[in-house]
PDB file of N, CA and C in Angstrom:
ATOM      1  N   MET A   1       0.888  -1.144   0.038  1.00  0.00           N
ATOM      2  CA  MET A   1       0.051   0.053   0.033  1.00  0.00           C
ATOM      3  C   MET A   1       0.911   1.242   0.002  1.00  0.00           C
ATOM      4  N   ALA A   2       1.179   1.763  -1.120  1.00  0.00           N
ATOM      5  CA  ALA A   2       2.076   2.947  -1.348  1.00  0.00           C
ATOM      6  C   ALA A   2       1.146   4.151  -1.355  1.00  0.00           C
ATOM      7  N   SER A   3       1.565   5.165  -0.567  1.00  0.00           N
ATOM      8  CA  SER A   3       0.886   6.502  -0.627  1.00  0.00           C
ATOM      9  C   SER A   3       1.880   7.555  -0.357  1.00  0.00           C
ATOM     10  N   LYS A   4       1.572   8.794  -0.884  1.00  0.00           N
ATOM     11  CA  LYS A   4       2.436   9.958  -0.749  1.00  0.00           C
ATOM     12  C   LYS A   4       1.567  10.930   0.000  1.00  0.00           C
ATOM     13  N   THR A   5       2.138  11.671   0.867  1.00  0.00           N
ATOM     14  CA  THR A   5       1.443  12.706   1.615  1.00  0.00           C
ATOM     15  C   THR A   5       2.188  13.998   1.505  1.00  0.00           C
ATOM     16  N   ARG A   6       1.406  15.105   1.465  1.00  0.00           N
ATOM     17  CA  ARG A   6       1.973  16.442   1.473  1.00  0.00           C
ATOM     18  C   ARG A   6       1.094  17.312   2.390  1.00  0.00           C
ATOM     19  N   THR A   7       1.716  18.092   3.175  1.00  0.00           N
ATOM     20  CA  THR A   7       1.000  18.896   4.164  1.00  0.00           C
ATOM     21  C   THR A   7       1.136  20.350   3.695  1.00  0.00           C
ATOM     22  N   THR A   8      -0.007  21.096   3.656  1.00  0.00           N
ATOM     23  CA  THR A   8      -0.039  22.504   3.270  1.00  0.00           C
ATOM     24  C   THR A   8      -0.898  23.224   4.241  1.00  0.00           C
ATOM     25  N   GLN A   9      -0.777  24.559   4.339  1.00  0.00           N
ATOM     26  CA  GLN A   9      -1.568  25.383   5.140  1.00  0.00           C
ATOM     27  C   GLN A   9      -2.881  25.643   4.451  1.00  0.00           C
ATOM     28  N   VAL A  10      -4.001  25.637   5.119  1.00  0.00           N
ATOM     29  CA  VAL A  10      -5.284  25.937   4.613  1.00  0.00           C
ATOM     30  C   VAL A  10      -5.531  27.509   4.778  1.00  0.00           C
ATOM     31  N   PRO A  11      -6.098  28.163   3.781  1.00  0.00           N
ATOM     32  CA  PRO A  11      -6.333  29.592   3.891  1.00  0.00           C
ATOM     33  C   PRO A  11      -7.258  29.816   5.086  1.00  0.00           C
ATOM     34  N   LYS A  12      -6.975  30.985   5.771  1.00  0.00           N
ATOM     35  CA  LYS A  12      -7.764  31.328   6.960  1.00  0.00           C
ATOM     36  C   LYS A  12      -9.159  31.814   6.610  1.00  0.00           C
ATOM     37  N   ARG A  13      -9.357  32.453   5.570  1.00  0.00           N
ATOM     38  CA  ARG A  13     -10.696  33.016   5.129  1.00  0.00           C
ATOM     39  C   ARG A  13     -11.397  32.012   4.305  1.00  0.00           C
ATOM     40  N   ARG A  14     -12.649  31.694   4.727  1.00  0.00           N
ATOM     41  CA  ARG A  14     -13.437  30.720   3.978  1.00  0.00           C
ATOM     42  C   ARG A  14     -14.326  31.460   3.013  1.00  0.00           C
ATOM     43  N   PHE A  15     -14.657  30.736   1.980  1.00  0.00           N
ATOM     44  CA  PHE A  15     -15.593  31.266   0.895  1.00  0.00           C
ATOM     45  C   PHE A  15     -16.994  30.492   1.046  1.00  0.00           C
ATOM     46  N   TYR A  16     -18.042  31.275   1.061  1.00  0.00           N
ATOM     47  CA  TYR A  16     -19.370  30.701   1.033  1.00  0.00           C
ATOM     48  C   TYR A  16     -20.110  31.207  -0.236  1.00  0.00           C
ATOM     49  N   SER A  17     -20.642  30.204  -0.906  1.00  0.00           N
ATOM     50  CA  SER A  17     -21.390  30.537  -2.121  1.00  0.00           C
ATOM     51  C   SER A  17     -22.673  31.360  -1.803  1.00  0.00           C
ATOM     52  N   PRO A  18     -23.033  32.191  -2.823  1.00  0.00           N
ATOM     53  CA  PRO A  18     -24.319  32.977  -2.574  1.00  0.00           C
ATOM     54  C   PRO A  18     -25.454  32.073  -2.332  1.00  0.00           C
ATOM     55  N   GLU A  19     -25.538  30.940  -2.923  1.00  0.00           N
ATOM     56  CA  GLU A  19     -26.574  29.972  -2.775  1.00  0.00           C
ATOM     57  C   GLU A  19     -26.676  29.507  -1.272  1.00  0.00           C
ATOM     58  N   LEU A  20     -25.515  29.158  -0.680  1.00  0.00           N
ATOM     59  CA  LEU A  20     -25.516  28.805   0.688  1.00  0.00           C
ATOM     60  C   LEU A  20     -25.950  29.943   1.641  1.00  0.00           C
ATOM     61  N   LYS A  21     -25.439  31.124   1.339  1.00  0.00           N
ATOM     62  CA  LYS A  21     -25.812  32.230   2.201  1.00  0.00           C
ATOM     63  C   LYS A  21     -27.259  32.415   2.144  1.00  0.00           C
ATOM     64  N   LEU A  22     -27.920  32.381   0.970  1.00  0.00           N
ATOM     65  CA  LEU A  22     -29.417  32.563   0.870  1.00  0.00           C
ATOM     66  C   LEU A  22     -30.147  31.406   1.599  1.00  0.00           C
ATOM     67  N   GLN A  23     -29.581  30.204   1.486  1.00  0.00           N
ATOM     68  CA  GLN A  23     -30.223  29.109   2.155  1.00  0.00           C
ATOM     69  C   GLN A  23     -30.242  29.267   3.678  1.00  0.00           C
ATOM     70  N   VAL A  24     -29.063  29.697   4.204  1.00  0.00           N
ATOM     71  CA  VAL A  24     -28.968  29.880   5.643  1.00  0.00           C
ATOM     72  C   VAL A  24     -29.760  31.039   6.101  1.00  0.00           C
ATOM     73  N   VAL A  25     -29.942  32.115   5.335  1.00  0.00           N
ATOM     74  CA  VAL A  25     -30.779  33.204   5.680  1.00  0.00           C
ATOM     75  C   VAL A  25     -32.266  32.816   5.709  1.00  0.00           C
ATOM     76  N   GLN A  26     -32.583  32.038   4.688  1.00  0.00           N
ATOM     77  CA  GLN A  26     -34.035  31.588   4.630  1.00  0.00           C
ATOM     78  C   GLN A  26     -34.309  30.604   5.784  1.00  0.00           C
ATOM     79  N   THR A  27     -33.342  29.791   6.177  1.00  0.00           N
ATOM     80  CA  THR A  27     -33.543  28.848   7.301  1.00  0.00           C
ATOM     81  C   THR A  27     -33.730  29.667   8.560  1.00  0.00           C
ATOM     82  N   CYS A  28     -32.915  30.683   8.710  1.00  0.00           N
ATOM     83  CA  CYS A  28     -33.008  31.553   9.920  1.00  0.00           C
ATOM     84  C   CYS A  28     -34.431  32.309  10.029  1.00  0.00           C
ATOM     85  N   ALA A  29     -35.061  32.553   8.867  1.00  0.00           N
ATOM     86  CA  ALA A  29     -36.296  33.270   8.724  1.00  0.00           C
ATOM     87  C   ALA A  29     -37.451  32.396   9.104  1.00  0.00           C
ATOM     88  N   GLN A  30     -37.287  31.088   9.329  1.00  0.00           N
ATOM     89  CA  GLN A  30     -38.361  30.187   9.628  1.00  0.00           C
ATOM     90  C   GLN A  30     -38.788  30.512  11.051  1.00  0.00           C
ATOM     91  N   PRO A  31     -40.138  30.394  11.375  1.00  0.00           N
ATOM     92  CA  PRO A  31     -40.579  30.651  12.735  1.00  0.00           C
ATOM     93  C   PRO A  31     -39.861  29.626  13.712  1.00  0.00           C
ATOM     94  N   GLY A  32     -39.407  30.250  14.863  1.00  0.00           N
ATOM     95  CA  GLY A  32     -38.712  29.492  15.923  1.00  0.00           C
ATOM     96  C   GLY A  32     -37.369  29.132  15.629  1.00  0.00           C
ATOM     97  N   ALA A  33     -36.800  29.552  14.509  1.00  0.00           N
ATOM     98  CA  ALA A  33     -35.325  29.242  14.178  1.00  0.00           C
ATOM     99  C   ALA A  33     -34.429  30.091  14.979  1.00  0.00           C
ATOM    100  N   SER A  34     -33.433  29.421  15.563  1.00  0.00           N
ATOM    101  CA  SER A  34     -32.330  30.121  16.323  1.00  0.00           C
ATOM    102  C   SER A  34     -31.220  30.393  15.355  1.00  0.00           C
ATOM    103  N   ILE A  35     -30.734  31.566  15.231  1.00  0.00           N
ATOM    104  CA  ILE A  35     -29.631  31.983  14.345  1.00  0.00           C
ATOM    105  C   ILE A  35     -28.394  31.201  14.819  1.00  0.00           C
ATOM    106  N   ALA A  36     -28.134  31.180  16.095  1.00  0.00           N
ATOM    107  CA  ALA A  36     -26.932  30.499  16.603  1.00  0.00           C
ATOM    108  C   ALA A  36     -27.002  29.039  16.183  1.00  0.00           C
ATOM    109  N   ALA A  37     -28.195  28.410  16.359  1.00  0.00           N
ATOM    110  CA  ALA A  37     -28.304  26.923  16.072  1.00  0.00           C
ATOM    111  C   ALA A  37     -28.108  26.700  14.586  1.00  0.00           C
ATOM    112  N   VAL A  38     -28.719  27.560  13.715  1.00  0.00           N
ATOM    113  CA  VAL A  38     -28.541  27.435  12.299  1.00  0.00           C
ATOM    114  C   VAL A  38     -27.027  27.580  11.945  1.00  0.00           C
ATOM    115  N   ALA A  39     -26.407  28.532  12.454  1.00  0.00           N
ATOM    116  CA  ALA A  39     -24.946  28.824  12.216  1.00  0.00           C
ATOM    117  C   ALA A  39     -24.157  27.584  12.588  1.00  0.00           C
ATOM    118  N   LEU A  40     -24.399  27.071  13.788  1.00  0.00           N
ATOM    119  CA  LEU A  40     -23.729  25.985  14.376  1.00  0.00           C
ATOM    120  C   LEU A  40     -23.936  24.704  13.464  1.00  0.00           C
ATOM    121  N   GLN A  41     -25.111  24.568  12.988  1.00  0.00           N
ATOM    122  CA  GLN A  41     -25.459  23.396  12.168  1.00  0.00           C
ATOM    123  C   GLN A  41     -24.715  23.484  10.789  1.00  0.00           C
ATOM    124  N   HIS A  42     -24.407  24.664  10.344  1.00  0.00           N
ATOM    125  CA  HIS A  42     -23.604  24.862   9.141  1.00  0.00           C
ATOM    126  C   HIS A  42     -22.129  25.013   9.308  1.00  0.00           C
ATOM    127  N   GLY A  43     -21.684  25.056  10.580  1.00  0.00           N
ATOM    128  CA  GLY A  43     -20.275  25.224  10.836  1.00  0.00           C
ATOM    129  C   GLY A  43     -19.853  26.684  10.513  1.00  0.00           C
ATOM    130  N   ILE A  44     -20.731  27.598  10.806  1.00  0.00           N
ATOM    131  CA  ILE A  44     -20.434  28.980  10.496  1.00  0.00           C
ATOM    132  C   ILE A  44     -20.612  29.880  11.697  1.00  0.00           C
ATOM    133  N   ASN A  45     -19.731  30.789  11.969  1.00  0.00           N
ATOM    134  CA  ASN A  45     -19.827  31.779  13.025  1.00  0.00           C
ATOM    135  C   ASN A  45     -21.185  32.494  12.950  1.00  0.00           C
ATOM    136  N   ALA A  46     -21.855  32.614  14.118  1.00  0.00           N
ATOM    137  CA  ALA A  46     -23.180  33.358  14.164  1.00  0.00           C
ATOM    138  C   ALA A  46     -23.046  34.801  13.701  1.00  0.00           C
ATOM    139  N   ASN A  47     -21.884  35.431  13.996  1.00  0.00           N
ATOM    140  CA  ASN A  47     -21.806  36.887  13.594  1.00  0.00           C
ATOM    141  C   ASN A  47     -21.787  36.914  12.055  1.00  0.00           C
ATOM    142  N   ILE A  48     -21.268  35.967  11.317  1.00  0.00           N
ATOM    143  CA  ILE A  48     -21.322  35.985   9.821  1.00  0.00           C
ATOM    144  C   ILE A  48     -22.675  35.877   9.379  1.00  0.00           C
ATOM    145  N   VAL A  49     -23.555  34.954   9.990  1.00  0.00           N
ATOM    146  CA  VAL A  49     -24.855  34.787   9.589  1.00  0.00           C
ATOM    147  C   VAL A  49     -25.762  36.032   9.883  1.00  0.00           C
ATOM    148  N   HIS A  50     -25.420  36.762  11.008  1.00  0.00           N
ATOM    149  CA  HIS A  50     -26.062  38.007  11.286  1.00  0.00           C
ATOM    150  C   HIS A  50     -25.779  39.037  10.139  1.00  0.00           C
ATOM    151  N   ARG A  51     -24.566  39.037   9.693  1.00  0.00           N
ATOM    152  CA  ARG A  51     -24.146  39.962   8.589  1.00  0.00           C
ATOM    153  C   ARG A  51     -24.894  39.652   7.318  1.00  0.00           C
ATOM    154  N   TRP A  52     -25.101  38.326   6.967  1.00  0.00           N
ATOM    155  CA  TRP A  52     -25.769  37.855   5.808  1.00  0.00           C
ATOM    156  C   TRP A  52     -27.276  38.260   5.906  1.00  0.00           C
ATOM    157  N   ILE A  53     -27.869  38.182   7.091  1.00  0.00           N
ATOM    158  CA  ILE A  53     -29.244  38.614   7.225  1.00  0.00           C
ATOM    159  C   ILE A  53     -29.362  40.064   7.011  1.00  0.00           C
ATOM    160  N   ARG A  54     -28.451  40.833   7.644  1.00  0.00           N
ATOM    161  CA  ARG A  54     -28.479  42.346   7.355  1.00  0.00           C
ATOM    162  C   ARG A  54     -28.312  42.648   5.866  1.00  0.00           C
ATOM    163  N   GLU A  55     -27.345  41.966   5.222  1.00  0.00           N
ATOM    164  CA  GLU A  55     -27.213  42.175   3.781  1.00  0.00           C
ATOM    165  C   GLU A  55     -28.380  41.824   2.966  1.00  0.00           C
ATOM    166  N   HIS A  56     -29.055  40.664   3.412  1.00  0.00           N
ATOM    167  CA  HIS A  56     -30.254  40.299   2.675  1.00  0.00           C
ATOM    168  C   HIS A  56     -31.401  41.340   2.809  1.00  0.00           C
ATOM    169  N   SER A  57     -31.503  41.884   4.075  1.00  0.00           N
ATOM    170  CA  SER A  57     -32.576  42.835   4.271  1.00  0.00           C
ATOM    171  C   SER A  57     -32.258  44.177   3.595  1.00  0.00           C
ATOM    172  N   GLN A  58     -30.990  44.497   3.354  1.00  0.00           N
ATOM    173  CA  GLN A  58     -30.571  45.702   2.555  1.00  0.00           C
ATOM    174  C   GLN A  58     -30.641  45.420   1.010  1.00  0.00           C
ATOM    175  N   GLY A  59     -30.821  44.195   0.651  1.00  0.00           N
ATOM    176  CA  GLY A  59     -30.834  43.906  -0.765  1.00  0.00           C
ATOM    177  C   GLY A  59     -29.480  43.675  -1.403  1.00  0.00           C
ATOM    178  N   THR A  60     -28.463  43.647  -0.688  1.00  0.00           N
ATOM    179  CA  THR A  60     -27.112  43.417  -1.208  1.00  0.00           C
ATOM    180  C   THR A  60     -26.730  41.913  -1.256  1.00  0.00           C
ATOM    181  N   LEU A  61     -27.537  41.074  -0.719  1.00  0.00           N
ATOM    182  CA  LEU A  61     -27.188  39.626  -0.782  1.00  0.00           C
ATOM    183  C   LEU A  61     -28.217  39.021  -1.763  1.00  0.00           C
ATOM    184  N   VAL A  62     -27.793  39.003  -3.078  1.00  0.00           N
ATOM    185  CA  VAL A  62     -28.635  38.520  -4.065  1.00  0.00           C
ATOM    186  C   VAL A  62     -27.968  37.486  -4.912  1.00  0.00           C
ATOM    187  N   ILE A  63     -28.656  36.608  -5.488  1.00  0.00           N
ATOM    188  CA  ILE A  63     -28.151  35.598  -6.482  1.00  0.00           C
ATOM    189  C   ILE A  63     -28.547  35.980  -7.813  1.00  0.00           C
ATOM    190  N   GLU A  64     -27.668  36.044  -8.709  1.00  0.00           N
ATOM    191  CA  GLU A  64     -27.957  36.327 -10.126  1.00  0.00           C
ATOM    192  C   GLU A  64     -28.685  35.185 -10.732  1.00  0.00           C
ATOM    193  N   PRO A  65     -29.835  35.420 -11.429  1.00  0.00           N
ATOM    194  CA  PRO A  65     -30.503  34.345 -12.060  1.00  0.00           C
ATOM    195  C   PRO A  65     -29.677  33.648 -13.100  1.00  0.00           C
ATOM    196  N   GLN A  66     -29.919  32.320 -13.129  1.00  0.00           N
ATOM    197  CA  GLN A  66     -29.178  31.547 -14.197  1.00  0.00           C
ATOM    198  C   GLN A  66     -29.755  31.933 -15.539  1.00  0.00           C
ATOM    199  N   ALA A  67     -28.939  32.131 -16.555  1.00  0.00           N
ATOM    200  CA  ALA A  67     -29.462  32.430 -17.876  1.00  0.00           C
ATOM    201  C   ALA A  67     -29.493  31.123 -18.654  1.00  0.00           C
ATOM    202  N   PHE A  68     -30.476  31.016 -19.385  1.00  0.00           N
ATOM    203  CA  PHE A  68     -30.603  29.808 -20.275  1.00  0.00           C
ATOM    204  C   PHE A  68     -30.150  30.165 -21.709  1.00  0.00           C
ATOM    205  N   VAL A  69     -29.476  29.232 -22.271  1.00  0.00           N
ATOM    206  CA  VAL A  69     -28.914  29.315 -23.655  1.00  0.00           C
ATOM    207  C   VAL A  69     -29.875  28.603 -24.623  1.00  0.00           C
ATOM    208  N   PRO A  70     -30.296  29.281 -25.676  1.00  0.00           N
ATOM    209  CA  PRO A  70     -31.268  28.564 -26.568  1.00  0.00           C
ATOM    210  C   PRO A  70     -30.538  27.409 -27.301  1.00  0.00           C
ATOM    211  N   VAL A  71     -31.257  26.302 -27.279  1.00  0.00           N
ATOM    212  CA  VAL A  71     -30.739  25.095 -28.015  1.00  0.00           C
ATOM    213  C   VAL A  71     -31.624  24.657 -29.098  1.00  0.00           C
ATOM    214  N   THR A  72     -31.099  24.327 -30.236  1.00  0.00           N
ATOM    215  CA  THR A  72     -31.937  23.787 -31.320  1.00  0.00           C
ATOM    216  C   THR A  72     -31.587  22.336 -31.500  1.00  0.00           C
ATOM    217  N   LEU A  73     -32.646  21.464 -31.653  1.00  0.00           N
ATOM    218  CA  LEU A  73     -32.503  20.042 -31.696  1.00  0.00           C
ATOM    219  C   LEU A  73     -32.860  19.624 -33.086  1.00  0.00           C
ATOM    220  N   SER A  74     -32.005  18.851 -33.778  1.00  0.00           N
ATOM    221  CA  SER A  74     -32.422  18.266 -35.037  1.00  0.00           C
ATOM    222  C   SER A  74     -33.268  17.027 -34.785  1.00  0.00           C
ATOM    223  N   THR A  75     -34.110  16.669 -35.774  1.00  0.00           N
ATOM    224  CA  THR A  75     -35.022  15.504 -35.594  1.00  0.00           C
ATOM    225  C   THR A  75     -34.233  14.220 -35.714  1.00  0.00           C
ATOM    226  N   GLU A  76     -33.094  14.250 -36.560  1.00  0.00           N
ATOM    227  CA  GLU A  76     -32.370  13.018 -36.637  1.00  0.00           C
ATOM    228  C   GLU A  76     -30.949  13.228 -36.086  1.00  0.00           C
ATOM    229  N   PRO A  77     -30.554  12.519 -35.066  1.00  0.00           N
ATOM    230  CA  PRO A  77     -29.223  12.713 -34.494  1.00  0.00           C
ATOM    231  C   PRO A  77     -28.218  12.161 -35.493  1.00  0.00           C
ATOM    232  N   GLU A  78     -27.043  12.870 -35.544  1.00  0.00           N
ATOM    233  CA  GLU A  78     -26.075  12.379 -36.512  1.00  0.00           C
ATOM    234  C   GLU A  78     -25.275  11.299 -35.825  1.00  0.00           C
ATOM    235  N   PRO A  79     -24.915  10.202 -36.478  1.00  0.00           N
ATOM    236  CA  PRO A  79     -24.109   9.123 -35.808  1.00  0.00           C
ATOM    237  C   PRO A  79     -22.702   9.646 -35.408  1.00  0.00           C
ATOM    238  N   VAL A  80     -22.271   9.176 -34.268  1.00  0.00           N
ATOM    239  CA  VAL A  80     -21.020   9.546 -33.705  1.00  0.00           C
ATOM    240  C   VAL A  80     -20.177   8.275 -33.530  1.00  0.00           C
ATOM    241  N   ALA A  81     -18.960   8.283 -33.992  1.00  0.00           N
ATOM    242  CA  ALA A  81     -18.031   7.176 -33.822  1.00  0.00           C
ATOM    243  C   ALA A  81     -17.443   7.229 -32.383  1.00  0.00           C
ATOM    244  N   ILE A  82     -17.546   6.225 -31.719  1.00  0.00           N
ATOM    245  CA  ILE A  82     -17.026   6.109 -30.245  1.00  0.00           C
ATOM    246  C   ILE A  82     -15.676   5.501 -30.395  1.00  0.00           C
ATOM    247  N   GLN A  83     -14.700   6.223 -29.878  1.00  0.00           N
ATOM    248  CA  GLN A  83     -13.349   5.666 -29.814  1.00  0.00           C
ATOM    249  C   GLN A  83     -13.034   5.221 -28.369  1.00  0.00           C
ATOM    250  N   PRO A  84     -12.553   4.042 -28.209  1.00  0.00           N
ATOM    251  CA  PRO A  84     -12.159   3.603 -26.821  1.00  0.00           C
ATOM    252  C   PRO A  84     -11.048   4.476 -26.311  1.00  0.00           C
ATOM    253  N   VAL A  85     -11.037   4.740 -25.080  1.00  0.00           N
ATOM    254  CA  VAL A  85      -9.949   5.514 -24.430  1.00  0.00           C
ATOM    255  C   VAL A  85      -9.158   4.563 -23.521  1.00  0.00           C
ATOM    256  N   ALA A  86      -7.868   4.606 -23.638  1.00  0.00           N
ATOM    257  CA  ALA A  86      -7.071   3.763 -22.870  1.00  0.00           C
ATOM    258  C   ALA A  86      -6.769   4.541 -21.518  1.00  0.00           C
ATOM    259  N   VAL A  87      -6.923   3.789 -20.381  1.00  0.00           N
ATOM    260  CA  VAL A  87      -6.703   4.380 -19.045  1.00  0.00           C
ATOM    261  C   VAL A  87      -5.228   4.105 -18.716  1.00  0.00           C
ATOM    262  N   ALA A  88      -4.645   5.216 -18.186  1.00  0.00           N
ATOM    263  CA  ALA A  88      -3.262   5.157 -17.929  1.00  0.00           C
ATOM    264  C   ALA A  88      -3.033   4.151 -16.856  1.00  0.00           C
ATOM    265  N   ALA A  89      -2.028   3.380 -16.872  1.00  0.00           N
ATOM    266  CA  ALA A  89      -1.740   2.268 -15.870  1.00  0.00           C
ATOM    267  C   ALA A  89      -1.320   3.022 -14.526  1.00  0.00           C
ATOM    268  N   THR A  90      -0.818   4.186 -14.600  1.00  0.00           N
ATOM    269  CA  THR A  90      -0.374   4.855 -13.420  1.00  0.00           C
ATOM    270  C   THR A  90      -1.391   5.806 -12.764  1.00  0.00           C
ATOM    271  N   ALA A  91      -2.672   5.638 -13.137  1.00  0.00           N
ATOM    272  CA  ALA A  91      -3.723   6.539 -12.551  1.00  0.00           C
ATOM    273  C   ALA A  91      -3.772   6.414 -11.059  1.00  0.00           C
ATOM    274  N   GLU A  92      -4.010   7.518 -10.402  1.00  0.00           N
ATOM    275  CA  GLU A  92      -4.049   7.611  -8.968  1.00  0.00           C
ATOM    276  C   GLU A  92      -5.287   8.105  -8.404  1.00  0.00           C
ATOM    277  N   ILE A  93      -5.568   7.765  -7.219  1.00  0.00           N
ATOM    278  CA  ILE A  93      -6.800   8.378  -6.524  1.00  0.00           C
ATOM    279  C   ILE A  93      -6.127   9.462  -5.735  1.00  0.00           C
ATOM    280  N   ARG A  94      -6.564  10.730  -5.718  1.00  0.00           N
ATOM    281  CA  ARG A  94      -5.989  11.762  -5.115  1.00  0.00           C
ATOM    282  C   ARG A  94      -7.024  12.432  -4.200  1.00  0.00           C
ATOM    283  N   MET A  95      -6.757  12.521  -2.897  1.00  0.00           N
ATOM    284  CA  MET A  95      -7.678  13.070  -1.927  1.00  0.00           C
ATOM    285  C   MET A  95      -6.968  14.218  -1.086  1.00  0.00           C
ATOM    286  N   GLU A  96      -7.703  15.256  -0.812  1.00  0.00           N
ATOM    287  CA  GLU A  96      -7.079  16.261   0.004  1.00  0.00           C
ATOM    288  C   GLU A  96      -7.987  16.307   1.295  1.00  0.00           C
ATOM    289  N   LEU A  97      -7.338  15.981   2.446  1.00  0.00           N
ATOM    290  CA  LEU A  97      -8.062  15.887   3.679  1.00  0.00           C
ATOM    291  C   LEU A  97      -7.715  17.078   4.535  1.00  0.00           C
ATOM    292  N   ARG A  98      -8.680  17.680   5.129  1.00  0.00           N
ATOM    293  CA  ARG A  98      -8.458  18.886   5.946  1.00  0.00           C
ATOM    294  C   ARG A  98      -8.940  18.668   7.300  1.00  0.00           C
ATOM    295  N   ARG A  99      -8.180  19.125   8.326  1.00  0.00           N
ATOM    296  CA  ARG A  99      -8.687  19.071   9.671  1.00  0.00           C
ATOM    297  C   ARG A  99      -8.065  20.225  10.397  1.00  0.00           C
ATOM    298  N   GLY A 100      -8.870  21.173  10.833  1.00  0.00           N
ATOM    299  CA  GLY A 100      -8.363  22.383  11.493  1.00  0.00           C
ATOM    300  C   GLY A 100      -7.612  23.237  10.483  1.00  0.00           C
ATOM    301  N   THR A 101      -6.390  23.571  10.828  1.00  0.00           N
ATOM    302  CA  THR A 101      -5.545  24.319   9.910  1.00  0.00           C
ATOM    303  C   THR A 101      -4.597  23.555   9.089  1.00  0.00           C
ATOM    304  N   SER A 102      -4.716  22.237   9.169  1.00  0.00           N
ATOM    305  CA  SER A 102      -3.755  21.334   8.502  1.00  0.00           C
ATOM    306  C   SER A 102      -4.493  20.637   7.314  1.00  0.00           C
ATOM    307  N   SER A 103      -3.724  20.405   6.277  1.00  0.00           N
ATOM    308  CA  SER A 103      -4.293  19.722   5.074  1.00  0.00           C
ATOM    309  C   SER A 103      -3.278  18.662   4.674  1.00  0.00           C
ATOM    310  N   VAL A 104      -3.817  17.476   4.377  1.00  0.00           N
ATOM    311  CA  VAL A 104      -2.999  16.364   3.896  1.00  0.00           C
ATOM    312  C   VAL A 104      -3.485  15.875   2.645  1.00  0.00           C
ATOM    313  N   THR A 105      -2.584  15.775   1.603  1.00  0.00           N
ATOM    314  CA  THR A 105      -2.953  15.142   0.332  1.00  0.00           C
ATOM    315  C   THR A 105      -2.508  13.745   0.239  1.00  0.00           C
ATOM    316  N   VAL A 106      -3.479  12.807  -0.016  1.00  0.00           N
ATOM    317  CA  VAL A 106      -3.156  11.442  -0.127  1.00  0.00           C
ATOM    318  C   VAL A 106      -3.338  10.956  -1.559  1.00  0.00           C
ATOM    319  N   MET A 107      -2.324  10.243  -2.110  1.00  0.00           N
ATOM    320  CA  MET A 107      -2.403   9.678  -3.423  1.00  0.00           C
ATOM    321  C   MET A 107      -2.356   8.214  -3.261  1.00  0.00           C
ATOM    322  N   TRP A 108      -3.267   7.552  -3.961  1.00  0.00           N
ATOM    323  CA  TRP A 108      -3.357   6.116  -3.788  1.00  0.00           C
ATOM    324  C   TRP A 108      -3.512   5.433  -5.207  1.00  0.00           C
ATOM    325  N   PRO A 109      -2.868   4.322  -5.431  1.00  0.00           N
ATOM    326  CA  PRO A 109      -2.952   3.723  -6.758  1.00  0.00           C
ATOM    327  C   PRO A 109      -4.406   3.305  -7.064  1.00  0.00           C
ATOM    328  N   SER A 110      -4.891   3.638  -8.263  1.00  0.00           N
ATOM    329  CA  SER A 110      -6.233   3.383  -8.554  1.00  0.00           C
ATOM    330  C   SER A 110      -6.615   1.896  -8.519  1.00  0.00           C
ATOM    331  N   GLU A 111      -5.610   1.101  -8.886  1.00  0.00           N
ATOM    332  CA  GLU A 111      -5.847  -0.423  -8.920  1.00  0.00           C
ATOM    333  C   GLU A 111      -6.113  -0.936  -7.519  1.00  0.00           C
ATOM    334  N   LEU A 112      -5.869  -0.120  -6.499  1.00  0.00           N
ATOM    335  CA  LEU A 112      -6.157  -0.528  -5.072  1.00  0.00           C
ATOM    336  C   LEU A 112      -7.306   0.313  -4.478  1.00  0.00           C
ATOM    337  N   ALA A 113      -8.321   0.627  -5.385  1.00  0.00           N
ATOM    338  CA  ALA A 113      -9.351   1.511  -4.923  1.00  0.00           C
ATOM    339  C   ALA A 113     -10.148   0.955  -3.788  1.00  0.00           C
ATOM    340  N   SER A 114     -10.374  -0.344  -3.713  1.00  0.00           N
ATOM    341  CA  SER A 114     -11.159  -0.925  -2.584  1.00  0.00           C
ATOM    342  C   SER A 114     -10.396  -0.725  -1.239  1.00  0.00           C
ATOM    343  N   ASP A 115      -9.077  -0.883  -1.309  1.00  0.00           N
ATOM    344  CA  ASP A 115      -8.233  -0.734  -0.148  1.00  0.00           C
ATOM    345  C   ASP A 115      -8.271   0.804   0.325  1.00  0.00           C
ATOM    346  N   CYS A 116      -8.310   1.669  -0.664  1.00  0.00           N
ATOM    347  CA  CYS A 116      -8.435   3.091  -0.377  1.00  0.00           C
ATOM    348  C   CYS A 116      -9.803   3.410   0.331  1.00  0.00           C
ATOM    349  N   GLY A 117     -10.908   2.782  -0.219  1.00  0.00           N
ATOM    350  CA  GLY A 117     -12.146   3.012   0.386  1.00  0.00           C
ATOM    351  C   GLY A 117     -12.227   2.495   1.784  1.00  0.00           C
ATOM    352  N   ALA A 118     -11.652   1.351   2.066  1.00  0.00           N
ATOM    353  CA  ALA A 118     -11.587   0.793   3.371  1.00  0.00           C
ATOM    354  C   ALA A 118     -10.838   1.764   4.291  1.00  0.00           C
ATOM    355  N   TRP A 119      -9.654   2.165   3.924  1.00  0.00           N
ATOM    356  CA  TRP A 119      -8.866   3.108   4.686  1.00  0.00           C
ATOM    357  C   TRP A 119      -9.535   4.325   5.012  1.00  0.00           C
ATOM    358  N   LEU A 120     -10.235   4.903   4.009  1.00  0.00           N
ATOM    359  CA  LEU A 120     -10.971   6.214   4.199  1.00  0.00           C
ATOM    360  C   LEU A 120     -12.210   6.039   5.148  1.00  0.00           C
ATOM    361  N   ARG A 121     -12.859   4.914   4.998  1.00  0.00           N
ATOM    362  CA  ARG A 121     -13.947   4.656   5.946  1.00  0.00           C
ATOM    363  C   ARG A 121     -13.423   4.593   7.362  1.00  0.00           C
ATOM    364  N   GLU A 122     -12.332   3.963   7.620  1.00  0.00           N
ATOM    365  CA  GLU A 122     -11.734   3.857   8.962  1.00  0.00           C
ATOM    366  C   GLU A 122     -11.289   5.273   9.378  1.00  0.00           C
ATOM    367  N   TRP A 123     -10.724   6.063   8.483  1.00  0.00           N
ATOM    368  CA  TRP A 123     -10.194   7.300   8.900  1.00  0.00           C
ATOM    369  C   TRP A 123     -11.349   8.325   9.295  1.00  0.00           C
ATOM    370  N   LEU A 124     -12.499   8.171   8.638  1.00  0.00           N
ATOM    371  CA  LEU A 124     -13.620   9.057   8.867  1.00  0.00           C
ATOM    372  C   LEU A 124     -14.306   8.666  10.201  1.00  0.00           C
ATOM    373  N   ARG A 125     -14.056   7.515  10.773  1.00  0.00           N
ATOM    374  CA  ARG A 125     -14.747   7.186  12.029  1.00  0.00           C
ATOM    375  C   ARG A 125     -14.427   8.116  13.179  1.00  0.00           C
TER     376      ARG A 125
END
């Protein structure tokens, strides 16, 4: 079981998607919802959630609507030749695991994927 590890520092500032922010704000708006509990449930500081609620009420926390691209479909699909793709023998499973401020990158041979799954299952316990 060969694996390589590399430790790097995790950036201190986290990024939250606008969708997550809106979901958290909407959850906090539910009757009887505790902002602290919702923040804790999402692993976010309650002060950040309070800021998102304030931004939402001011109209600065918005999600841009997804734009659709027009697509035209032909009635008869054109035949496509499928070429087999060779998989490289040296393919690896690459995982980046983070805990606190530490980050570990684990690379595992893909031919030992079941061993990797067993190791990861034990590590997550």
